[in-house]
Amino acid sequence: MLERQREGIAKAKAEGKYKGRKPTARAKSKEVIQMKQGGASVKDIVAKLGVSQASVYRILQAS
């Protein structure tokens, strides 16, 4: 059963259908940094961009 599953996953990857979840917060990291430099609070950034508070702090710490 696992062998058939692996074959199916490999076939889907080859066809470009097995991509996984799209990154949400990292895609908006430039906007987060710009808003923070512009004086916006973390709560404002969370409300406007729709990312979690933890993601905002993670992005700001990495920059």
Protein backbone atom coordinates (compact mmCIF):
# COMPACT_ATOMS: atom_id res chain seq x y z
CA MET A 1 0.00 0.00 0.00
CA LEU A 2 2.81 2.42 0.88
CA GLU A 3 4.53 1.57 -2.37
CA ARG A 4 1.44 2.54 -4.39
CA GLN A 5 1.15 5.73 -2.36
CA ARG A 6 4.77 6.67 -3.08
CA GLU A 7 4.22 5.99 -6.78
CA GLY A 8 1.15 8.22 -6.81
CA ILE A 9 2.97 11.03 -5.02
CA ALA A 10 5.91 10.77 -7.41
CA LYS A 11 3.55 10.91 -10.39
CA ALA A 12 1.73 13.95 -8.99
CA LYS A 13 5.03 15.75 -8.34
CA ALA A 14 6.15 15.04 -11.89
CA GLU A 15 2.91 16.58 -13.18
CA GLY A 16 3.34 19.61 -10.92
CA LYS A 17 0.23 18.92 -8.86
CA TYR A 18 1.91 18.15 -5.54
CA LYS A 19 3.18 21.50 -4.37
CA GLY A 20 2.21 21.80 -0.73
CA ARG A 21 0.80 24.78 1.10
CA LYS A 22 1.59 28.27 -0.15
CA PRO A 23 3.60 30.43 2.27
CA THR A 24 1.46 33.22 3.64
CA ALA A 25 3.44 35.25 6.13
CA ARG A 26 6.81 35.00 4.41
CA ALA A 27 5.27 36.26 1.19
CA LYS A 28 4.27 39.42 3.04
CA SER A 29 7.54 39.96 4.88
CA LYS A 30 8.48 43.07 2.88
CA GLU A 31 5.15 44.67 3.76
CA VAL A 32 5.57 43.78 7.44
CA ILE A 33 9.01 45.38 7.57
CA GLN A 34 7.87 48.49 5.70
CA MET A 35 4.87 48.96 7.99
CA LYS A 36 7.00 48.54 11.11
CA GLN A 37 9.56 51.04 9.83
CA GLY A 38 6.68 53.39 9.10
CA GLY A 39 5.68 53.31 12.76
CA ALA A 40 2.82 50.81 12.71
CA SER A 41 2.27 48.64 15.76
CA VAL A 42 2.32 44.86 15.61
CA LYS A 43 -1.44 44.76 16.20
CA ASP A 44 -2.00 47.10 13.26
CA ILE A 45 0.17 44.93 11.03
CA VAL A 46 -1.69 41.79 12.10
CA ALA A 47 -5.08 43.38 11.43
CA LYS A 48 -4.15 44.81 8.05
CA LEU A 49 -2.18 41.93 6.54
CA GLY A 50 -4.02 39.00 8.11
CA VAL A 51 -0.97 37.19 9.44
CA SER A 52 -0.47 35.95 12.98
CA GLN A 53 1.25 37.97 15.66
CA ALA A 54 3.91 35.28 16.03
CA SER A 55 4.66 35.47 12.30
CA VAL A 56 5.09 39.24 12.48
CA TYR A 57 7.53 38.93 15.38
CA ARG A 58 9.40 36.13 13.56
CA ILE A 59 9.77 38.28 10.42
CA LEU A 60 10.90 41.31 12.40
CA GLN A 61 13.44 39.27 14.36
CA ALA A 62 14.90 37.79 11.18
CA SER A 63 15.36 41.17 9.54
